[in-house]
N, C-alpha and C. Protein backbone atom coordinates (compact mmCIF):
# COMPACT_ATOMS: atom_id res chain seq x y z
N MET A 1 -47.10 -4.58 4.43
CA MET A 1 -46.24 -3.79 5.28
C MET A 1 -46.54 -4.03 6.75
N LYS A 2 -47.85 -4.15 7.08
CA LYS A 2 -48.24 -4.39 8.46
C LYS A 2 -47.68 -5.73 8.96
N LYS A 3 -47.66 -6.73 8.07
CA LYS A 3 -47.14 -8.04 8.45
C LYS A 3 -45.65 -7.97 8.77
N ILE A 4 -44.91 -7.19 8.02
CA ILE A 4 -43.46 -7.06 8.25
C ILE A 4 -43.20 -6.38 9.58
N ILE A 5 -43.93 -5.31 9.88
CA ILE A 5 -43.75 -4.59 11.14
C ILE A 5 -44.15 -5.48 12.32
N LEU A 6 -45.27 -6.20 12.19
CA LEU A 6 -45.72 -7.10 13.24
C LEU A 6 -44.70 -8.21 13.47
N SER A 7 -44.18 -8.77 12.39
CA SER A 7 -43.15 -9.82 12.50
C SER A 7 -41.89 -9.30 13.18
N ALA A 8 -41.50 -8.08 12.85
CA ALA A 8 -40.31 -7.50 13.46
C ALA A 8 -40.49 -7.33 14.97
N PHE A 9 -41.67 -6.83 15.39
CA PHE A 9 -41.94 -6.68 16.82
C PHE A 9 -41.98 -8.03 17.53
N MET A 10 -42.53 -9.03 16.88
CA MET A 10 -42.60 -10.36 17.49
C MET A 10 -41.19 -10.94 17.67
N LEU A 11 -40.34 -10.77 16.68
CA LEU A 11 -38.97 -11.27 16.78
C LEU A 11 -38.19 -10.54 17.86
N MET A 12 -38.39 -9.23 17.98
CA MET A 12 -37.71 -8.49 19.04
C MET A 12 -38.20 -8.94 20.41
N GLY A 13 -39.51 -9.16 20.55
CA GLY A 13 -40.05 -9.65 21.81
C GLY A 13 -39.51 -11.01 22.17
N LEU A 14 -39.39 -11.89 21.19
CA LEU A 14 -38.83 -13.22 21.42
C LEU A 14 -37.37 -13.12 21.84
N ALA A 15 -36.62 -12.25 21.21
CA ALA A 15 -35.21 -12.10 21.55
C ALA A 15 -35.02 -11.61 22.99
N PHE A 16 -35.88 -10.69 23.44
CA PHE A 16 -35.75 -10.15 24.79
C PHE A 16 -36.33 -11.07 25.86
N SER A 17 -37.17 -12.03 25.46
CA SER A 17 -37.79 -12.91 26.45
C SER A 17 -37.05 -14.23 26.61
N THR A 18 -35.98 -14.46 25.88
CA THR A 18 -35.24 -15.71 26.05
C THR A 18 -34.62 -15.77 27.43
N GLN A 19 -34.50 -16.97 27.94
CA GLN A 19 -33.96 -17.14 29.28
C GLN A 19 -32.46 -16.91 29.26
N ALA A 20 -31.98 -16.36 30.34
CA ALA A 20 -30.54 -16.11 30.46
C ALA A 20 -29.81 -17.44 30.67
N GLN A 21 -28.59 -17.50 30.19
CA GLN A 21 -27.77 -18.68 30.38
C GLN A 21 -27.34 -18.79 31.83
N GLU A 22 -27.21 -19.98 32.30
CA GLU A 22 -26.72 -20.19 33.65
C GLU A 22 -25.56 -21.17 33.60
N ILE A 23 -24.53 -20.81 32.87
CA ILE A 23 -23.34 -21.64 32.86
C ILE A 23 -22.40 -21.10 33.93
N SER A 24 -21.73 -22.00 34.59
CA SER A 24 -20.86 -21.59 35.69
C SER A 24 -19.56 -21.02 35.15
N LYS A 25 -18.88 -20.26 35.98
CA LYS A 25 -17.60 -19.69 35.59
C LYS A 25 -16.54 -20.78 35.47
N ASN A 26 -16.60 -21.79 36.35
CA ASN A 26 -15.66 -22.91 36.32
C ASN A 26 -16.40 -24.21 36.61
N ALA A 27 -15.94 -25.28 36.00
CA ALA A 27 -16.46 -26.62 36.28
C ALA A 27 -15.32 -27.61 36.11
N LEU A 28 -15.18 -28.52 37.08
CA LEU A 28 -14.09 -29.50 37.07
C LEU A 28 -14.66 -30.88 37.37
N GLY A 29 -14.27 -31.88 36.59
CA GLY A 29 -14.77 -33.22 36.83
C GLY A 29 -14.20 -34.24 35.87
N LEU A 30 -15.02 -35.25 35.57
CA LEU A 30 -14.62 -36.35 34.71
C LEU A 30 -15.53 -36.42 33.49
N ARG A 31 -14.95 -36.83 32.38
CA ARG A 31 -15.68 -37.12 31.16
C ARG A 31 -15.36 -38.57 30.81
N LEU A 32 -16.35 -39.45 30.91
CA LEU A 32 -16.14 -40.88 30.76
C LEU A 32 -16.76 -41.37 29.48
N GLY A 33 -15.92 -41.86 28.57
CA GLY A 33 -16.39 -42.36 27.29
C GLY A 33 -15.41 -43.36 26.74
N ASP A 34 -15.42 -43.52 25.43
CA ASP A 34 -14.50 -44.45 24.81
C ASP A 34 -14.22 -44.03 23.38
N ASN A 35 -12.97 -43.83 23.08
CA ASN A 35 -12.54 -43.53 21.73
C ASN A 35 -11.17 -44.16 21.55
N ASP A 36 -11.14 -45.33 20.99
CA ASP A 36 -9.89 -46.06 20.77
C ASP A 36 -9.10 -46.22 22.07
N GLY A 37 -9.80 -46.49 23.17
CA GLY A 37 -9.12 -46.76 24.42
C GLY A 37 -8.97 -45.60 25.36
N PHE A 38 -9.26 -44.38 24.92
CA PHE A 38 -9.18 -43.24 25.82
C PHE A 38 -10.49 -43.19 26.60
N GLY A 39 -10.57 -43.93 27.69
CA GLY A 39 -11.82 -44.11 28.39
C GLY A 39 -12.14 -43.03 29.40
N GLY A 40 -11.16 -42.41 30.00
CA GLY A 40 -11.42 -41.41 31.02
C GLY A 40 -10.66 -40.13 30.74
N GLU A 41 -11.30 -39.01 31.05
CA GLU A 41 -10.65 -37.71 30.87
C GLU A 41 -10.92 -36.85 32.08
N ILE A 42 -9.92 -36.12 32.52
CA ILE A 42 -10.13 -35.05 33.49
C ILE A 42 -10.60 -33.85 32.67
N SER A 43 -11.72 -33.25 33.07
CA SER A 43 -12.36 -32.22 32.27
C SER A 43 -12.49 -30.92 33.07
N TYR A 44 -12.11 -29.81 32.44
CA TYR A 44 -12.24 -28.48 33.03
C TYR A 44 -12.95 -27.57 32.04
N GLN A 45 -13.96 -26.85 32.52
CA GLN A 45 -14.66 -25.87 31.70
C GLN A 45 -14.48 -24.48 32.31
N ARG A 46 -14.21 -23.51 31.46
CA ARG A 46 -14.03 -22.12 31.89
C ARG A 46 -15.02 -21.26 31.11
N GLY A 47 -15.95 -20.62 31.82
CA GLY A 47 -16.91 -19.74 31.18
C GLY A 47 -16.22 -18.48 30.69
N LEU A 48 -16.46 -18.13 29.43
CA LEU A 48 -15.85 -16.93 28.84
C LEU A 48 -16.84 -15.78 28.76
N SER A 49 -18.13 -16.11 28.60
CA SER A 49 -19.19 -15.11 28.57
C SER A 49 -20.48 -15.81 29.02
N ASP A 50 -21.62 -15.16 28.79
CA ASP A 50 -22.89 -15.76 29.20
C ASP A 50 -23.24 -17.03 28.43
N ASN A 51 -22.73 -17.17 27.21
CA ASN A 51 -23.09 -18.35 26.42
C ASN A 51 -21.91 -18.97 25.68
N ASN A 52 -20.69 -18.69 26.11
CA ASN A 52 -19.50 -19.29 25.50
C ASN A 52 -18.57 -19.78 26.60
N ARG A 53 -17.87 -20.87 26.32
CA ARG A 53 -16.90 -21.39 27.29
C ARG A 53 -15.83 -22.18 26.56
N LEU A 54 -14.77 -22.46 27.29
CA LEU A 54 -13.66 -23.26 26.81
C LEU A 54 -13.62 -24.53 27.65
N GLU A 55 -13.51 -25.67 27.00
CA GLU A 55 -13.39 -26.95 27.71
C GLU A 55 -12.03 -27.56 27.39
N LEU A 56 -11.30 -27.93 28.43
CA LEU A 56 -10.00 -28.59 28.30
C LEU A 56 -10.10 -29.97 28.94
N ASP A 57 -9.69 -30.99 28.20
CA ASP A 57 -9.77 -32.37 28.68
C ASP A 57 -8.43 -33.07 28.51
N LEU A 58 -8.02 -33.82 29.54
CA LEU A 58 -6.82 -34.63 29.48
C LEU A 58 -7.23 -36.09 29.62
N GLY A 59 -7.08 -36.85 28.54
CA GLY A 59 -7.43 -38.27 28.53
C GLY A 59 -6.18 -39.12 28.56
N TRP A 60 -6.30 -40.33 29.09
CA TRP A 60 -5.15 -41.21 29.18
C TRP A 60 -5.58 -42.67 29.12
N ARG A 61 -4.62 -43.51 28.81
CA ARG A 61 -4.79 -44.95 28.87
C ARG A 61 -3.45 -45.56 29.22
N ASN A 62 -3.50 -46.50 30.15
CA ASN A 62 -2.27 -47.18 30.57
C ASN A 62 -2.64 -48.60 30.95
N ASN A 63 -2.17 -49.57 30.16
CA ASN A 63 -2.36 -50.98 30.49
C ASN A 63 -1.13 -51.76 30.06
N ASN A 64 -1.22 -53.07 29.98
CA ASN A 64 -0.06 -53.90 29.63
C ASN A 64 0.38 -53.71 28.19
N ASN A 65 -0.50 -53.22 27.32
CA ASN A 65 -0.19 -53.12 25.89
C ASN A 65 0.06 -51.70 25.40
N VAL A 66 -0.56 -50.72 26.03
CA VAL A 66 -0.55 -49.36 25.47
C VAL A 66 -0.40 -48.33 26.57
N ASP A 67 0.41 -47.31 26.28
CA ASP A 67 0.42 -46.06 27.05
C ASP A 67 -0.01 -44.97 26.08
N ALA A 68 -0.98 -44.15 26.48
CA ALA A 68 -1.45 -43.11 25.58
C ALA A 68 -1.98 -41.94 26.40
N PHE A 69 -1.90 -40.74 25.80
CA PHE A 69 -2.54 -39.57 26.38
C PHE A 69 -3.06 -38.70 25.26
N LYS A 70 -4.03 -37.86 25.61
CA LYS A 70 -4.64 -36.97 24.63
C LYS A 70 -5.09 -35.71 25.35
N LEU A 71 -4.68 -34.54 24.86
CA LEU A 71 -5.09 -33.25 25.39
C LEU A 71 -5.99 -32.57 24.36
N THR A 72 -7.21 -32.20 24.80
CA THR A 72 -8.22 -31.65 23.90
C THR A 72 -8.65 -30.27 24.39
N GLY A 73 -8.83 -29.34 23.47
CA GLY A 73 -9.39 -28.03 23.76
C GLY A 73 -10.56 -27.77 22.82
N ILE A 74 -11.72 -27.41 23.41
CA ILE A 74 -12.94 -27.18 22.62
C ILE A 74 -13.53 -25.82 23.01
N TYR A 75 -13.83 -24.99 22.01
CA TYR A 75 -14.57 -23.75 22.22
C TYR A 75 -16.04 -24.08 22.01
N GLN A 76 -16.90 -23.77 23.01
CA GLN A 76 -18.31 -24.17 22.96
C GLN A 76 -19.24 -22.98 23.03
N TRP A 77 -20.36 -23.10 22.30
CA TRP A 77 -21.50 -22.20 22.38
C TRP A 77 -22.58 -22.94 23.15
N VAL A 78 -23.23 -22.28 24.10
CA VAL A 78 -24.22 -22.91 24.97
C VAL A 78 -25.56 -22.20 24.82
N TRP A 79 -26.65 -22.98 24.67
CA TRP A 79 -28.00 -22.45 24.55
C TRP A 79 -28.90 -23.11 25.59
N ASN A 80 -29.73 -22.31 26.24
CA ASN A 80 -30.65 -22.83 27.24
C ASN A 80 -31.85 -23.49 26.56
N ILE A 81 -32.23 -24.67 27.05
CA ILE A 81 -33.43 -25.35 26.55
C ILE A 81 -34.60 -25.00 27.47
N ASP A 82 -34.47 -25.37 28.74
CA ASP A 82 -35.52 -25.08 29.72
C ASP A 82 -34.97 -25.41 31.09
N GLY A 83 -35.21 -24.55 32.05
CA GLY A 83 -34.75 -24.81 33.41
C GLY A 83 -33.24 -24.97 33.44
N GLY A 84 -32.77 -26.07 33.99
CA GLY A 84 -31.33 -26.32 34.07
C GLY A 84 -30.75 -27.02 32.86
N PHE A 85 -31.57 -27.30 31.84
CA PHE A 85 -31.08 -27.99 30.64
C PHE A 85 -30.49 -27.01 29.64
N ASN A 86 -29.31 -27.33 29.14
CA ASN A 86 -28.66 -26.58 28.06
C ASN A 86 -28.23 -27.56 26.99
N TRP A 87 -28.11 -27.09 25.78
CA TRP A 87 -27.42 -27.86 24.77
C TRP A 87 -26.27 -27.02 24.26
N TYR A 88 -25.26 -27.68 23.73
CA TYR A 88 -24.05 -26.96 23.34
C TYR A 88 -23.43 -27.60 22.10
N ALA A 89 -22.67 -26.80 21.39
CA ALA A 89 -21.92 -27.24 20.22
C ALA A 89 -20.57 -26.53 20.26
N GLY A 90 -19.56 -27.18 19.70
CA GLY A 90 -18.25 -26.57 19.73
C GLY A 90 -17.30 -27.15 18.70
N VAL A 91 -16.16 -26.48 18.56
CA VAL A 91 -15.09 -26.92 17.67
C VAL A 91 -13.76 -26.76 18.40
N GLY A 92 -12.82 -27.57 18.01
CA GLY A 92 -11.50 -27.48 18.64
C GLY A 92 -10.55 -28.52 18.08
N GLY A 93 -9.62 -28.91 18.91
CA GLY A 93 -8.63 -29.88 18.48
C GLY A 93 -7.73 -30.25 19.63
N GLY A 94 -6.64 -30.92 19.29
CA GLY A 94 -5.73 -31.33 20.34
C GLY A 94 -4.52 -32.07 19.82
N VAL A 95 -3.80 -32.65 20.78
CA VAL A 95 -2.57 -33.39 20.49
C VAL A 95 -2.53 -34.60 21.43
N GLY A 96 -1.84 -35.65 20.99
CA GLY A 96 -1.74 -36.83 21.83
C GLY A 96 -0.58 -37.71 21.41
N ASN A 97 -0.38 -38.78 22.16
CA ASN A 97 0.67 -39.75 21.87
C ASN A 97 0.16 -41.14 22.16
N TRP A 98 0.48 -42.08 21.28
CA TRP A 98 0.05 -43.47 21.38
C TRP A 98 1.31 -44.33 21.32
N ASN A 99 1.57 -45.12 22.38
CA ASN A 99 2.77 -45.94 22.45
C ASN A 99 2.39 -47.39 22.73
N ALA A 100 2.56 -48.27 21.75
CA ALA A 100 2.31 -49.70 21.92
C ALA A 100 3.54 -50.33 22.54
N LYS A 101 3.37 -50.99 23.68
CA LYS A 101 4.50 -51.54 24.43
C LYS A 101 5.07 -52.81 23.79
N ASN A 102 4.21 -53.64 23.17
CA ASN A 102 4.66 -54.92 22.61
C ASN A 102 5.18 -54.79 21.19
N ALA A 103 5.13 -53.61 20.61
CA ALA A 103 5.61 -53.39 19.25
C ALA A 103 6.38 -52.08 19.23
N ASP A 104 7.19 -51.92 18.21
CA ASP A 104 7.93 -50.67 18.07
C ASP A 104 7.01 -49.66 17.39
N TYR A 105 6.07 -49.12 18.15
CA TYR A 105 5.06 -48.22 17.61
C TYR A 105 4.84 -47.08 18.59
N ASN A 106 5.29 -45.90 18.21
CA ASN A 106 5.13 -44.72 19.04
C ASN A 106 4.78 -43.57 18.11
N LYS A 107 3.55 -43.07 18.22
CA LYS A 107 3.10 -42.02 17.32
C LYS A 107 2.56 -40.83 18.10
N THR A 108 2.98 -39.66 17.72
CA THR A 108 2.38 -38.42 18.19
C THR A 108 1.40 -37.97 17.10
N PHE A 109 0.26 -37.48 17.51
CA PHE A 109 -0.76 -37.09 16.54
C PHE A 109 -1.41 -35.78 16.97
N VAL A 110 -1.99 -35.11 15.99
CA VAL A 110 -2.84 -33.94 16.22
C VAL A 110 -4.20 -34.27 15.64
N PHE A 111 -5.22 -33.57 16.11
CA PHE A 111 -6.57 -33.84 15.61
C PHE A 111 -7.43 -32.60 15.70
N VAL A 112 -8.48 -32.59 14.88
CA VAL A 112 -9.53 -31.59 14.96
C VAL A 112 -10.78 -32.29 15.47
N ALA A 113 -11.64 -31.55 16.17
CA ALA A 113 -12.81 -32.17 16.77
C ALA A 113 -14.00 -31.23 16.73
N GLY A 114 -15.16 -31.81 16.68
CA GLY A 114 -16.41 -31.10 16.87
C GLY A 114 -17.01 -31.59 18.18
N ASP A 115 -18.06 -30.95 18.64
CA ASP A 115 -18.67 -31.36 19.90
C ASP A 115 -20.15 -30.97 19.86
N LEU A 116 -21.02 -31.89 20.26
CA LEU A 116 -22.45 -31.64 20.32
C LEU A 116 -22.99 -32.39 21.52
N GLY A 117 -23.70 -31.67 22.43
CA GLY A 117 -24.18 -32.35 23.62
C GLY A 117 -25.30 -31.62 24.33
N ILE A 118 -25.75 -32.28 25.41
CA ILE A 118 -26.79 -31.74 26.27
C ILE A 118 -26.30 -31.87 27.71
N GLU A 119 -26.69 -30.91 28.55
CA GLU A 119 -26.24 -30.93 29.95
C GLU A 119 -27.37 -30.48 30.86
N TYR A 120 -27.24 -30.87 32.13
CA TYR A 120 -28.18 -30.44 33.15
C TYR A 120 -27.40 -29.97 34.36
N GLY A 121 -27.70 -28.76 34.82
CA GLY A 121 -27.10 -28.22 36.03
C GLY A 121 -28.13 -28.19 37.14
N PHE A 122 -27.83 -28.82 38.27
CA PHE A 122 -28.76 -28.89 39.39
C PHE A 122 -28.76 -27.56 40.15
N ASP A 123 -29.93 -27.16 40.65
CA ASP A 123 -30.04 -25.94 41.44
C ASP A 123 -29.59 -26.16 42.88
N GLU A 124 -29.90 -27.31 43.43
CA GLU A 124 -29.64 -27.58 44.85
C GLU A 124 -28.17 -27.83 45.14
N VAL A 125 -27.49 -28.50 44.24
CA VAL A 125 -26.07 -28.82 44.41
C VAL A 125 -25.32 -28.35 43.17
N PRO A 126 -24.06 -27.96 43.30
CA PRO A 126 -23.32 -27.44 42.14
C PRO A 126 -22.74 -28.55 41.26
N ILE A 127 -23.61 -29.43 40.78
CA ILE A 127 -23.19 -30.56 39.95
C ILE A 127 -23.80 -30.38 38.56
N GLN A 128 -23.01 -30.74 37.55
CA GLN A 128 -23.45 -30.70 36.16
C GLN A 128 -23.27 -32.09 35.56
N LEU A 129 -24.31 -32.61 34.90
CA LEU A 129 -24.24 -33.87 34.16
C LEU A 129 -24.35 -33.55 32.68
N SER A 130 -23.57 -34.24 31.85
CA SER A 130 -23.63 -33.98 30.42
C SER A 130 -23.49 -35.29 29.63
N LEU A 131 -24.00 -35.27 28.43
CA LEU A 131 -23.86 -36.36 27.48
C LEU A 131 -23.55 -35.72 26.14
N ASP A 132 -22.43 -36.12 25.51
CA ASP A 132 -22.06 -35.50 24.25
C ASP A 132 -21.38 -36.49 23.32
N ILE A 133 -21.30 -36.07 22.06
CA ILE A 133 -20.55 -36.80 21.05
C ILE A 133 -19.51 -35.85 20.49
N ARG A 134 -18.29 -36.37 20.36
CA ARG A 134 -17.17 -35.57 19.86
C ARG A 134 -16.48 -36.34 18.73
N PRO A 135 -16.87 -36.08 17.48
CA PRO A 135 -16.16 -36.71 16.37
C PRO A 135 -14.76 -36.09 16.22
N GLU A 136 -13.75 -36.96 16.10
CA GLU A 136 -12.37 -36.50 16.02
C GLU A 136 -11.72 -37.04 14.74
N LEU A 137 -11.00 -36.18 14.04
CA LEU A 137 -10.28 -36.55 12.83
C LEU A 137 -8.79 -36.38 13.09
N TYR A 138 -8.04 -37.50 13.04
CA TYR A 138 -6.62 -37.51 13.40
C TYR A 138 -5.74 -37.26 12.18
N PHE A 139 -4.63 -36.56 12.43
CA PHE A 139 -3.65 -36.30 11.39
C PHE A 139 -2.33 -36.92 11.81
N SER A 140 -2.16 -38.19 11.44
CA SER A 140 -0.94 -38.94 11.72
C SER A 140 -1.03 -40.22 10.91
N ASP A 141 0.05 -40.97 10.88
CA ASP A 141 0.06 -42.23 10.16
C ASP A 141 -0.58 -43.32 11.02
N ASN A 142 -1.84 -43.68 10.68
CA ASN A 142 -2.52 -44.82 11.28
C ASN A 142 -2.42 -44.81 12.80
N VAL A 143 -3.08 -43.88 13.45
CA VAL A 143 -3.00 -43.69 14.90
C VAL A 143 -3.31 -44.97 15.64
N SER A 144 -4.45 -45.57 15.41
CA SER A 144 -4.79 -46.83 16.07
C SER A 144 -5.73 -47.63 15.18
N GLY A 145 -5.39 -47.71 13.92
CA GLY A 145 -6.20 -48.47 12.98
C GLY A 145 -7.13 -47.60 12.15
N ASP A 146 -7.37 -46.37 12.57
CA ASP A 146 -8.29 -45.51 11.85
C ASP A 146 -7.94 -44.06 12.14
N ASN A 147 -8.25 -43.16 11.22
CA ASN A 147 -7.98 -41.74 11.43
C ASN A 147 -9.22 -40.97 11.87
N PHE A 148 -10.30 -41.68 12.21
CA PHE A 148 -11.53 -41.06 12.67
C PHE A 148 -12.00 -41.75 13.93
N GLY A 149 -12.43 -40.98 14.92
CA GLY A 149 -12.94 -41.56 16.16
C GLY A 149 -14.14 -40.80 16.68
N PRO A 150 -15.33 -41.42 16.69
CA PRO A 150 -16.49 -40.77 17.31
C PRO A 150 -16.49 -41.05 18.81
N ASP A 151 -16.26 -40.05 19.60
CA ASP A 151 -16.12 -40.18 21.05
C ASP A 151 -17.44 -39.78 21.71
N ILE A 152 -18.15 -40.76 22.30
CA ILE A 152 -19.38 -40.50 23.03
C ILE A 152 -19.08 -40.62 24.51
N ALA A 153 -19.49 -39.62 25.31
CA ALA A 153 -19.09 -39.62 26.72
C ALA A 153 -20.16 -39.03 27.62
N LEU A 154 -20.11 -39.49 28.87
CA LEU A 154 -20.93 -38.96 29.95
C LEU A 154 -20.01 -38.15 30.86
N GLY A 155 -20.41 -36.93 31.19
CA GLY A 155 -19.57 -36.07 32.03
C GLY A 155 -20.26 -35.75 33.34
N ILE A 156 -19.47 -35.66 34.39
CA ILE A 156 -19.95 -35.19 35.68
C ILE A 156 -18.91 -34.20 36.20
N ARG A 157 -19.38 -32.98 36.52
CA ARG A 157 -18.47 -31.91 36.91
C ARG A 157 -19.01 -31.16 38.13
N TYR A 158 -18.11 -30.67 38.94
CA TYR A 158 -18.43 -29.80 40.07
C TYR A 158 -18.30 -28.36 39.58
N GLN A 159 -19.35 -27.56 39.76
CA GLN A 159 -19.36 -26.18 39.29
C GLN A 159 -18.99 -25.23 40.43
N PHE A 160 -18.12 -24.28 40.13
CA PHE A 160 -17.74 -23.27 41.13
C PHE A 160 -17.45 -21.95 40.47
C-alpha cells in the first residue's frame, strides 16, 4: 500500500514539474521537402492551446511537364523535450490536383496524412526550424505512379 501511495505522489509531482509549452500563437514560413515533385510549401501554424496547433500547407509544382498543387491541414500535438526543443505528432489530410502537360492526364485527389517531427524555437529571434516526416495515402486513380508518398521536409518559420 505504501508503494502505491508513494508512486501516486511521485507521478503527481512529475506531472506538475513538466515544462510549459512554448509554441507560438502564429508561425508563417516555408516547408521544403519532396513528395512526388511537391518540393516547396507555404506553411502556416496556428496555436490552438498550450500544446495543440493546426498547420496548413500549400504546396505546388510548375515546370514544362507538370502543374500541380496540394493543400494540407494537420492537427498537431506538441511536447517539450528540453529548452527550445519540441517534438510533435499529428493527423490530417488534404486535397490536390496533378496535371501532366504532355499527356491527357488531369487528376484531382484527396489524401490522409500523419506527421511526426522535431522543432527548435530560438529565444533571441522569433525563428522556428523543424524536421518532419509526413506519410500520405492518396485516394485517386494512380496519382503519380503510387498511392503512397513519404514526405520528408525541413521547415523554417517566423513566429509571431
